[in-house]
Amino acid sequence: MFLLENIWLILFIAWGLPLTFYRSKFRKIVYQTDNWVINIKPYFGKELKALFGNIYPDNKNYLKMRNFYRFYLIIYLLLFISYLTFS
């Protein structure tokens, strides 16, 4: 019964836990650093350009991570829309 009553919370937590890891990895590629401090700095401009554009067209690692991160965020958005629709 608990699972059925809290299914949306469980889904959001399960899908959201890896978000910090993926975002950190993406930001390290975008800002070209391995320093952990990039995860807490309030820089978003270059990150958004990298997510919706193509700032490093020759970097295969960037392209692969950008596409994966886009997919991950789209699933997160669909999960949120499903929550708003069905609950």
Protein backbone atom coordinates (compact mmCIF):
# COMPACT_ATOMS: atom_id res chain seq x y z
CA MET A 1 0.00 0.00 0.00
CA PHE A 2 2.83 2.40 0.85
CA LEU A 3 4.39 1.90 -2.58
CA LEU A 4 1.16 2.66 -4.41
CA GLU A 5 0.52 5.80 -2.38
CA ASN A 6 4.04 7.13 -2.89
CA ILE A 7 4.85 5.88 -6.38
CA TRP A 8 5.52 9.37 -7.77
CA LEU A 9 7.89 10.23 -4.93
CA ILE A 10 9.74 6.95 -5.42
CA LEU A 11 10.00 7.49 -9.19
CA PHE A 12 11.29 11.05 -8.80
CA ILE A 13 13.89 10.00 -6.23
CA ALA A 14 15.01 6.98 -8.26
CA TRP A 15 15.34 8.99 -11.47
CA GLY A 16 16.76 12.07 -9.75
CA LEU A 17 19.58 10.48 -7.77
CA PRO A 18 21.98 10.10 -10.72
CA LEU A 19 21.26 13.68 -11.86
CA THR A 20 24.06 15.16 -9.75
CA PHE A 21 26.58 12.74 -11.23
CA TYR A 22 25.52 13.37 -14.85
CA ARG A 23 25.35 17.14 -14.39
CA SER A 24 28.79 17.17 -12.77
CA LYS A 25 30.26 15.16 -15.61
CA PHE A 26 28.63 17.42 -18.21
CA ARG A 27 29.77 20.62 -16.48
CA LYS A 28 33.35 19.35 -16.23
CA ILE A 29 33.38 18.78 -19.99
CA VAL A 30 31.76 22.14 -20.77
CA TYR A 31 34.02 24.19 -18.50
CA GLN A 32 37.04 21.99 -19.28
CA THR A 33 38.05 21.34 -15.70
CA ASP A 34 38.32 18.43 -13.28
CA ASN A 35 37.89 20.60 -10.22
CA TRP A 36 34.90 19.65 -8.07
CA VAL A 37 34.20 23.33 -7.34
CA ILE A 38 32.53 23.71 -10.74
CA ASN A 39 29.56 21.79 -9.30
CA ILE A 40 28.71 24.53 -6.79
CA LYS A 41 29.52 27.61 -8.85
CA PRO A 42 26.49 29.47 -10.21
CA TYR A 43 27.56 29.44 -13.85
CA PHE A 44 24.75 28.56 -16.24
CA GLY A 45 25.24 30.51 -19.48
CA LYS A 46 27.86 28.33 -21.08
CA GLU A 47 26.17 25.20 -19.76
CA LEU A 48 22.87 26.14 -21.41
CA LYS A 49 24.64 27.00 -24.68
CA ALA A 50 26.35 23.61 -24.53
CA LEU A 51 23.10 21.79 -23.79
CA PHE A 52 21.02 23.41 -26.53
CA GLY A 53 23.81 24.16 -28.97
CA ASN A 54 27.12 22.70 -30.04
CA ILE A 55 30.09 24.50 -28.51
CA TYR A 56 32.65 21.72 -29.09
CA PRO A 57 31.71 20.07 -32.42
CA ASP A 58 34.92 18.02 -32.62
CA ASN A 59 34.83 16.66 -29.06
CA LYS A 60 33.18 13.24 -29.27
CA ASN A 61 33.07 12.90 -25.48
CA TYR A 62 31.14 16.18 -25.22
CA LEU A 63 28.71 15.21 -27.98
CA LYS A 64 28.02 11.82 -26.42
CA MET A 65 27.52 13.27 -22.93
CA ARG A 66 25.37 16.16 -24.24
CA ASN A 67 23.05 13.79 -26.08
CA PHE A 68 22.79 11.48 -23.09
CA TYR A 69 22.13 14.43 -20.74
CA ARG A 70 19.43 15.73 -23.10
CA PHE A 71 17.78 12.29 -23.11
CA TYR A 72 17.99 12.09 -19.32
CA LEU A 73 16.39 15.53 -18.88
CA ILE A 74 13.63 14.74 -21.41
CA ILE A 75 12.69 11.63 -19.43
CA TYR A 76 12.70 13.75 -16.27
CA LEU A 77 10.39 16.26 -17.97
CA LEU A 78 8.06 13.48 -19.16
CA LEU A 79 7.96 12.08 -15.64
CA PHE A 80 6.99 15.50 -14.30
CA ILE A 81 4.30 15.98 -16.97
CA SER A 82 2.93 12.52 -16.18
CA TYR A 83 2.79 13.44 -12.51
CA LEU A 84 0.85 16.63 -13.27
CA THR A 85 -1.48 14.78 -15.62
CA PHE A 86 -2.26 11.65 -13.62
CA SER A 87 -2.25 12.76 -10.02
